Amino acid sequence: MSNNFQNKKILFIGPIFHNYHILIKEKLEILGATVDFYPERDYGWKFKIINNLFKNHLNKFQKNYYDSILENSENADYDFLFVIRGYMLSNDFVNNFKKLYPKAKTIMYQWDSDEENPFFDVASLFDKVYSFDFKDCNNISFVKYIPLFYTDDLIPYRQKEQEAEYDFFFMGWCFPERYKAVISFREFTRTNNYKLKAFLYMPFSSYLKEVLKGNFLDRSIVSFTPMNRVQYLSILSKSKVMVDVSNPRQTGLAMRVIEAIAMGTKVLTNNMNLRQDKIVGKTELFSFFDEKDIFVKEDFINDQSFKGSSNSMLSIELWLKNIFEHNEN
């Protein structure tokens, strides 16, 4: 695959989520591009006040924010506009960008579903639109499927040969369906003498809302601080199976699923949509479970003959090349 990033100038807009935006920008620069990154929204106190107290002003606030990006980047002579998600991105912004840089290509990638973060209207203005969500790719004709990626910091852990410390590893944001599934799964592991590592992250403000509703969550499972990245990768590499309870409002493969498979850790999931992925759709990689009636075959857990390969999932470099070079295979 040729390197078409050399001497290209990219306006990159996306969410600040863990450090993925930094890793994407750095990889594009390593490949030879010049990248100007702007967050998809203001992450300071102004946005929080308007979003929580003056919701009817949010559209105008976001429009002004995106207008300021174009003002700051005037005469930059961009070759690409690359948007990941693009929270409340306006049609005016995309049209104005095209007027300023008529030769530039516009690319959007969605790692949220249209149900979770509506993008259909503005996405139609882009030259290419990709998503991780199976449902959106099936329902929206111009949206093509490309799964998420794994980052380079995962690679050293994949090479390690070590005894598994945990049979199952549960990690992610805490929402009601996932919390209930973890509680049920914990009962299953206790009954069958399996070792479980469960970690759900919830901001303290969200936890307080649950307490006020009378929902007292188990603090041995719920943390107010996200898990450290190094700790997460270390636990993942020492686990036989990563358990995935998917967000009911999304159908795509979550990042933790991608990372588990790339590392050679099996995946147990309630997301039947995984069957639609041509590469991941192999029985030795994953198995399914019903969170209302949990049962897992013992040989799936203990058969460690499968080892992940670099071809199982897209590295961040291959992910970017697929997106920018429009290689839809």
Protein backbone atom coordinates (compact mmCIF):
# COMPACT_ATOMS: atom_id res chain seq x y z
CA MET A 1 0.00 0.00 0.00
CA SER A 2 1.57 3.27 -1.09
CA ASN A 3 2.11 6.20 1.26
CA ASN A 4 -0.12 9.05 0.11
CA PHE A 5 0.37 11.13 3.27
CA GLN A 6 3.72 12.69 2.32
CA ASN A 7 3.51 16.50 2.33
CA LYS A 8 -0.28 16.44 2.76
CA LYS A 9 -1.95 18.94 5.06
CA ILE A 10 -4.85 17.65 7.16
CA LEU A 11 -7.44 19.47 9.26
CA PHE A 12 -8.37 16.85 11.86
CA ILE A 13 -11.43 17.31 14.09
CA GLY A 14 -12.41 14.71 16.65
CA PRO A 15 -13.27 13.95 20.26
CA ILE A 16 -10.76 13.99 23.10
CA PHE A 17 -11.20 10.40 24.19
CA HIS A 18 -8.39 8.85 26.26
CA ASN A 19 -5.33 9.69 24.13
CA TYR A 20 -6.55 8.27 20.81
CA HIS A 21 -6.66 11.73 19.17
CA ILE A 22 -2.96 12.21 20.03
CA LEU A 23 -1.99 8.77 18.71
CA ILE A 24 -3.89 9.32 15.44
CA LYS A 25 -2.28 12.75 14.93
CA GLU A 26 1.19 11.37 15.72
CA LYS A 27 0.77 8.44 13.32
CA LEU A 28 -0.36 10.73 10.48
CA GLU A 29 2.70 12.91 11.10
CA ILE A 30 5.02 9.88 11.15
CA LEU A 31 3.54 8.96 7.76
CA GLY A 32 4.53 12.39 6.44
CA ALA A 33 1.46 14.59 6.86
CA THR A 34 1.13 17.98 8.56
CA VAL A 35 -1.85 17.87 10.93
CA ASP A 36 -3.85 20.60 12.63
CA PHE A 37 -6.05 19.05 15.32
CA TYR A 38 -9.10 20.70 16.88
CA PRO A 39 -11.41 19.03 19.45
CA GLU A 40 -14.99 18.54 18.26
CA ARG A 41 -16.17 20.82 21.07
CA ASP A 42 -14.93 23.07 23.84
CA TYR A 43 -13.96 20.82 26.77
CA GLY A 44 -13.87 23.70 29.26
CA TRP A 45 -16.39 25.18 31.67
CA LYS A 46 -18.26 27.22 29.01
CA PHE A 47 -19.54 24.11 27.23
CA LYS A 48 -20.51 22.45 30.54
CA ILE A 49 -22.56 25.46 31.66
CA ILE A 50 -24.38 25.84 28.33
CA ASN A 51 -24.94 22.09 27.92
CA ASN A 52 -26.37 21.71 31.43
CA LEU A 53 -28.16 25.02 32.02
CA PHE A 54 -28.81 26.70 28.64
CA LYS A 55 -29.38 23.79 26.24
CA ASN A 56 -31.32 25.98 23.77
CA HIS A 57 -28.10 27.96 23.14
CA LEU A 58 -25.98 24.88 22.38
CA ASN A 59 -26.49 24.92 18.58
CA LYS A 60 -25.31 28.53 18.35
CA PHE A 61 -22.40 27.85 20.70
CA GLN A 62 -21.23 24.90 18.58
CA LYS A 63 -21.67 26.86 15.33
CA ASN A 64 -19.49 29.68 16.69
CA TYR A 65 -16.92 27.14 17.83
CA TYR A 66 -16.66 25.52 14.40
CA ASP A 67 -16.59 28.92 12.68
CA SER A 68 -13.60 29.82 14.85
CA ILE A 69 -11.74 26.72 13.57
CA LEU A 70 -12.05 27.97 9.99
CA GLU A 71 -10.98 31.47 11.05
CA ASN A 72 -7.89 30.06 12.79
CA SER A 73 -6.97 27.92 9.79
CA GLU A 74 -7.44 30.56 7.09
CA ASN A 75 -5.14 30.09 4.05
CA ALA A 76 -3.86 26.75 5.40
CA ASP A 77 -4.30 25.10 1.96
CA TYR A 78 -5.59 21.79 3.32
CA ASP A 79 -5.60 18.58 1.29
CA PHE A 80 -8.01 16.82 3.66
CA LEU A 81 -10.72 17.47 6.20
CA PHE A 82 -10.78 14.43 8.48
CA VAL A 83 -13.59 14.29 11.04
CA ILE A 84 -14.07 11.59 13.66
CA ARG A 85 -17.60 11.78 15.04
CA GLY A 86 -17.92 15.59 14.90
CA TYR A 87 -20.31 16.45 17.74
CA MET A 88 -23.01 18.81 16.38
CA LEU A 89 -20.96 19.56 13.27
CA SER A 90 -22.98 21.91 11.05
CA ASN A 91 -23.64 21.74 7.30
CA ASP A 92 -22.44 25.36 7.07
CA PHE A 93 -19.01 24.39 8.38
CA VAL A 94 -18.52 21.66 5.76
CA ASN A 95 -19.81 23.86 2.93
CA ASN A 96 -17.59 26.77 4.01
CA PHE A 97 -14.57 24.46 4.23
CA LYS A 98 -15.24 23.27 0.66
CA LYS A 99 -15.46 26.88 -0.57
CA LEU A 100 -12.15 27.75 1.09
CA TYR A 101 -10.39 24.54 -0.06
CA PRO A 102 -12.17 23.28 -3.20
CA LYS A 103 -9.48 20.71 -4.02
CA ALA A 104 -9.51 19.11 -0.55
CA LYS A 105 -11.07 15.71 0.10
CA THR A 106 -13.51 15.41 3.00
CA ILE A 107 -13.59 12.21 5.07
CA MET A 108 -15.74 11.29 8.07
CA TYR A 109 -15.31 8.31 10.40
CA GLN A 110 -17.94 7.41 12.98
CA TRP A 111 -17.09 5.45 16.12
CA ASP A 112 -20.55 6.24 17.52
CA SER A 113 -23.82 5.11 15.96
CA ASP A 114 -26.25 7.52 14.33
CA GLU A 115 -28.66 6.69 17.16
CA GLU A 116 -26.10 7.72 19.77
CA ASN A 117 -24.69 10.74 17.92
CA PRO A 118 -26.87 11.80 14.92
CA PHE A 119 -24.64 12.44 11.89
CA PHE A 120 -26.72 11.42 8.84
CA ASP A 121 -27.52 14.93 7.57
CA VAL A 122 -24.03 16.44 7.65
CA ALA A 123 -22.36 13.16 6.60
CA SER A 124 -24.02 13.34 3.18
CA LEU A 125 -21.82 16.36 2.40
CA PHE A 126 -18.57 14.35 2.80
CA ASP A 127 -16.73 12.64 -0.06
CA LYS A 128 -16.25 9.46 1.97
CA VAL A 129 -18.01 8.29 5.14
CA TYR A 130 -16.99 5.26 7.20
CA SER A 131 -18.38 3.74 10.39
CA PHE A 132 -17.70 0.92 12.83
CA ASP A 133 -21.45 0.38 13.28
CA PHE A 134 -22.94 -2.53 11.29
CA LYS A 135 -26.51 -1.23 11.45
CA ASP A 136 -25.59 2.22 10.09
CA CYS A 137 -23.51 0.69 7.28
CA ASN A 138 -26.43 -1.57 6.33
CA ASN A 139 -29.05 1.18 6.52
CA ILE A 140 -27.20 4.19 5.05
CA SER A 141 -26.06 3.58 1.47
CA PHE A 142 -23.07 5.95 1.45
CA VAL A 143 -21.59 4.74 4.76
CA LYS A 144 -18.92 2.02 4.35
CA TYR A 145 -17.73 -0.35 7.07
CA ILE A 146 -14.25 -0.14 8.56
CA PRO A 147 -13.74 -1.50 12.11
CA LEU A 148 -11.74 0.29 14.78
CA PHE A 149 -8.00 -0.17 15.29
CA TYR A 150 -5.43 -1.23 17.82
CA THR A 151 -2.56 1.04 18.84
CA ASP A 152 1.17 0.32 18.83
CA ASP A 153 1.44 0.19 22.64
CA LEU A 154 -0.44 -3.12 22.55
CA ILE A 155 2.17 -4.96 20.45
CA PRO A 156 4.74 -5.78 23.21
CA TYR A 157 2.04 -7.41 25.33
CA ARG A 158 1.03 -9.65 22.44
CA GLN A 159 4.48 -11.21 22.32
CA LYS A 160 4.45 -12.30 25.96
CA GLU A 161 4.07 -15.98 26.84
CA GLN A 162 2.69 -16.08 30.38
CA GLU A 163 0.30 -17.93 32.62
CA ALA A 164 -3.20 -16.43 32.63
CA GLU A 165 -4.07 -14.69 35.90
CA TYR A 166 -7.79 -14.29 35.19
CA ASP A 167 -10.35 -16.43 33.42
CA PHE A 168 -12.55 -13.42 32.60
CA PHE A 169 -11.92 -9.67 32.35
CA PHE A 170 -14.78 -7.14 32.34
CA MET A 171 -13.90 -3.48 31.65
CA GLY A 172 -15.81 -0.45 30.39
CA TRP A 173 -18.14 2.42 31.12
CA CYS A 174 -20.88 1.67 33.62
CA PHE A 175 -24.42 1.79 32.28
CA PRO A 176 -27.44 -0.12 33.69
CA GLU A 177 -27.42 -3.06 31.23
CA ARG A 178 -23.68 -3.60 31.66
CA TYR A 179 -23.79 -3.34 35.46
CA LYS A 180 -26.59 -5.94 35.67
CA ALA A 181 -24.64 -8.24 33.36
CA VAL A 182 -21.51 -7.96 35.52
CA ILE A 183 -23.48 -8.86 38.66
CA SER A 184 -25.00 -11.90 36.91
CA PHE A 185 -21.63 -12.91 35.47
CA ARG A 186 -20.00 -12.66 38.87
CA GLU A 187 -22.50 -15.19 40.21
CA PHE A 188 -21.69 -17.51 37.29
CA THR A 189 -17.93 -17.28 37.95
CA ARG A 190 -18.34 -17.87 41.71
CA THR A 191 -20.54 -20.92 41.12
CA ASN A 192 -18.08 -22.41 38.63
CA ASN A 193 -14.82 -21.42 40.40
CA TYR A 194 -13.59 -19.06 37.71
CA LYS A 195 -11.48 -15.99 38.45
CA LEU A 196 -13.04 -12.70 37.35
CA LYS A 197 -11.56 -9.20 37.13
CA ALA A 198 -14.42 -6.68 36.83
CA PHE A 199 -13.91 -2.92 36.48
CA LEU A 200 -16.60 -0.42 35.47
CA TYR A 201 -15.93 3.31 35.30
CA MET A 202 -18.57 5.85 36.33
CA PRO A 203 -18.05 9.57 37.02
CA PHE A 204 -18.88 10.47 40.64
CA SER A 205 -21.70 12.80 39.49
CA SER A 206 -23.39 9.89 37.68
CA TYR A 207 -22.90 7.65 40.72
CA LEU A 208 -24.52 10.31 42.93
CA LYS A 209 -27.56 10.42 40.61
CA GLU A 210 -27.93 6.64 40.96
CA VAL A 211 -27.70 6.85 44.77
CA LEU A 212 -30.38 9.56 44.82
CA LYS A 213 -32.60 7.20 42.82
CA GLY A 214 -32.02 4.53 45.46
CA ASN A 215 -29.58 2.46 43.37
CA PHE A 216 -26.58 1.55 45.53
CA LEU A 217 -23.93 0.17 43.21
CA ASP A 218 -21.21 -2.23 44.34
CA ARG A 219 -18.06 -0.15 44.77
CA SER A 220 -15.84 -3.23 44.37
CA ILE A 221 -16.91 -3.13 40.71
CA VAL A 222 -17.55 0.57 40.10
CA SER A 223 -14.65 3.08 40.08
CA PHE A 224 -14.74 6.88 39.85
CA THR A 225 -11.33 6.87 38.16
CA PRO A 226 -10.70 5.30 34.72
CA MET A 227 -8.29 2.37 34.62
CA ASN A 228 -4.72 3.27 33.79
CA ARG A 229 -3.84 2.25 30.20
CA VAL A 230 -0.74 0.24 31.17
CA GLN A 231 -2.69 -1.58 33.88
CA TYR A 232 -5.50 -2.31 31.41
CA LEU A 233 -3.16 -3.78 28.78
CA SER A 234 -1.34 -5.81 31.44
CA ILE A 235 -4.59 -7.33 32.78
CA LEU A 236 -5.87 -7.96 29.24
CA SER A 237 -2.68 -9.85 28.38
CA LYS A 238 -3.09 -12.00 31.53
CA SER A 239 -6.76 -12.85 30.86
CA LYS A 240 -8.11 -15.84 28.96
CA VAL A 241 -11.35 -14.12 27.93
CA MET A 242 -12.46 -10.50 27.60
CA VAL A 243 -16.20 -10.20 28.32
CA ASP A 244 -18.04 -7.62 26.22
CA VAL A 245 -21.51 -6.32 27.05
CA SER A 246 -22.20 -3.98 24.17
CA ASN A 247 -23.95 -0.64 24.30
CA PRO A 248 -27.57 -1.41 23.26
CA ARG A 249 -27.58 1.75 21.11
CA GLN A 250 -24.59 0.60 19.02
CA THR A 251 -23.85 -2.52 16.96
CA GLY A 252 -20.13 -2.13 16.10
CA LEU A 253 -17.08 -3.80 17.64
CA ALA A 254 -15.97 -1.84 20.70
CA MET A 255 -12.32 -0.85 21.04
CA ARG A 256 -11.80 -3.37 23.86
CA VAL A 257 -12.98 -6.16 21.49
CA ILE A 258 -10.50 -5.06 18.82
CA GLU A 259 -7.68 -4.85 21.38
CA ALA A 260 -8.48 -8.25 22.87
CA ILE A 261 -8.50 -10.01 19.51
CA ALA A 262 -5.31 -8.24 18.37
CA MET A 263 -3.61 -9.38 21.57
CA GLY A 264 -4.80 -12.97 21.27
CA THR A 265 -7.29 -12.79 24.16
CA LYS A 266 -10.62 -14.43 23.34
CA VAL A 267 -13.86 -12.45 23.39
CA LEU A 268 -17.16 -13.48 24.96
CA THR A 269 -19.88 -11.08 23.85
CA ASN A 270 -23.63 -10.50 23.74
CA ASN A 271 -23.21 -8.60 20.44
CA MET A 272 -24.43 -11.00 17.74
CA ASN A 273 -23.49 -8.44 15.08
CA LEU A 274 -19.87 -9.59 15.25
CA ARG A 275 -20.85 -12.32 12.80
CA GLN A 276 -21.08 -9.64 10.11
CA ASP A 277 -17.34 -8.87 10.25
CA LYS A 278 -15.65 -11.03 7.59
CA ILE A 279 -12.34 -11.24 9.46
CA VAL A 280 -13.55 -11.54 13.04
CA GLY A 281 -16.34 -13.95 12.10
CA LYS A 282 -14.39 -17.05 13.10
CA THR A 283 -15.58 -19.25 15.93
CA GLU A 284 -12.17 -19.67 17.58
CA LEU A 285 -11.91 -15.92 18.16
CA PHE A 286 -15.12 -15.34 20.06
CA SER A 287 -18.23 -16.86 21.56
CA PHE A 288 -21.64 -15.46 22.47
CA PHE A 289 -23.56 -15.37 25.73
CA ASP A 290 -26.98 -14.32 26.93
CA GLU A 291 -26.65 -12.07 29.99
CA LYS A 292 -30.08 -13.28 31.21
CA ASP A 293 -29.03 -16.95 31.13
CA ILE A 294 -25.23 -17.16 31.36
CA PHE A 295 -23.51 -20.29 30.15
CA VAL A 296 -19.98 -20.62 28.77
CA LYS A 297 -18.40 -23.83 27.47
CA GLU A 298 -15.37 -24.83 29.49
CA ASP A 299 -13.28 -25.69 26.43
CA PHE A 300 -13.82 -22.18 25.04
CA ILE A 301 -12.34 -20.73 28.22
CA ASN A 302 -9.42 -23.10 28.66
CA ASP A 303 -8.38 -23.93 25.09
CA GLN A 304 -5.54 -21.45 24.58
CA SER A 305 -4.29 -22.92 21.29
CA PHE A 306 -5.52 -19.85 19.40
CA LYS A 307 -3.04 -16.99 19.23
CA GLY A 308 -3.87 -13.64 17.72
CA SER A 309 -2.01 -12.49 14.65
CA SER A 310 -1.23 -9.07 13.26
CA ASN A 311 -3.77 -9.80 10.51
CA SER A 312 -6.68 -10.30 12.91
CA MET A 313 -7.37 -6.57 13.26
CA LEU A 314 -6.27 -3.27 11.78
CA SER A 315 -3.26 -1.52 13.28
CA ILE A 316 -3.68 2.25 13.60
CA GLU A 317 -1.46 2.70 10.52
CA LEU A 318 -3.47 0.30 8.35
CA TRP A 319 -6.70 1.82 9.66
CA LEU A 320 -5.61 5.29 8.50
CA LYS A 321 -4.42 3.98 5.14
CA ASN A 322 -7.74 2.22 4.55
CA ILE A 323 -9.64 5.41 5.38
CA PHE A 324 -7.52 7.85 3.38
CA GLU A 325 -6.77 5.61 0.42
CA HIS A 326 -10.37 4.41 0.17
CA ASN A 327 -9.39 0.77 0.18
CA GLU A 328 -12.71 -0.82 1.13
CA ASN A 329 -11.43 -4.43 1.26
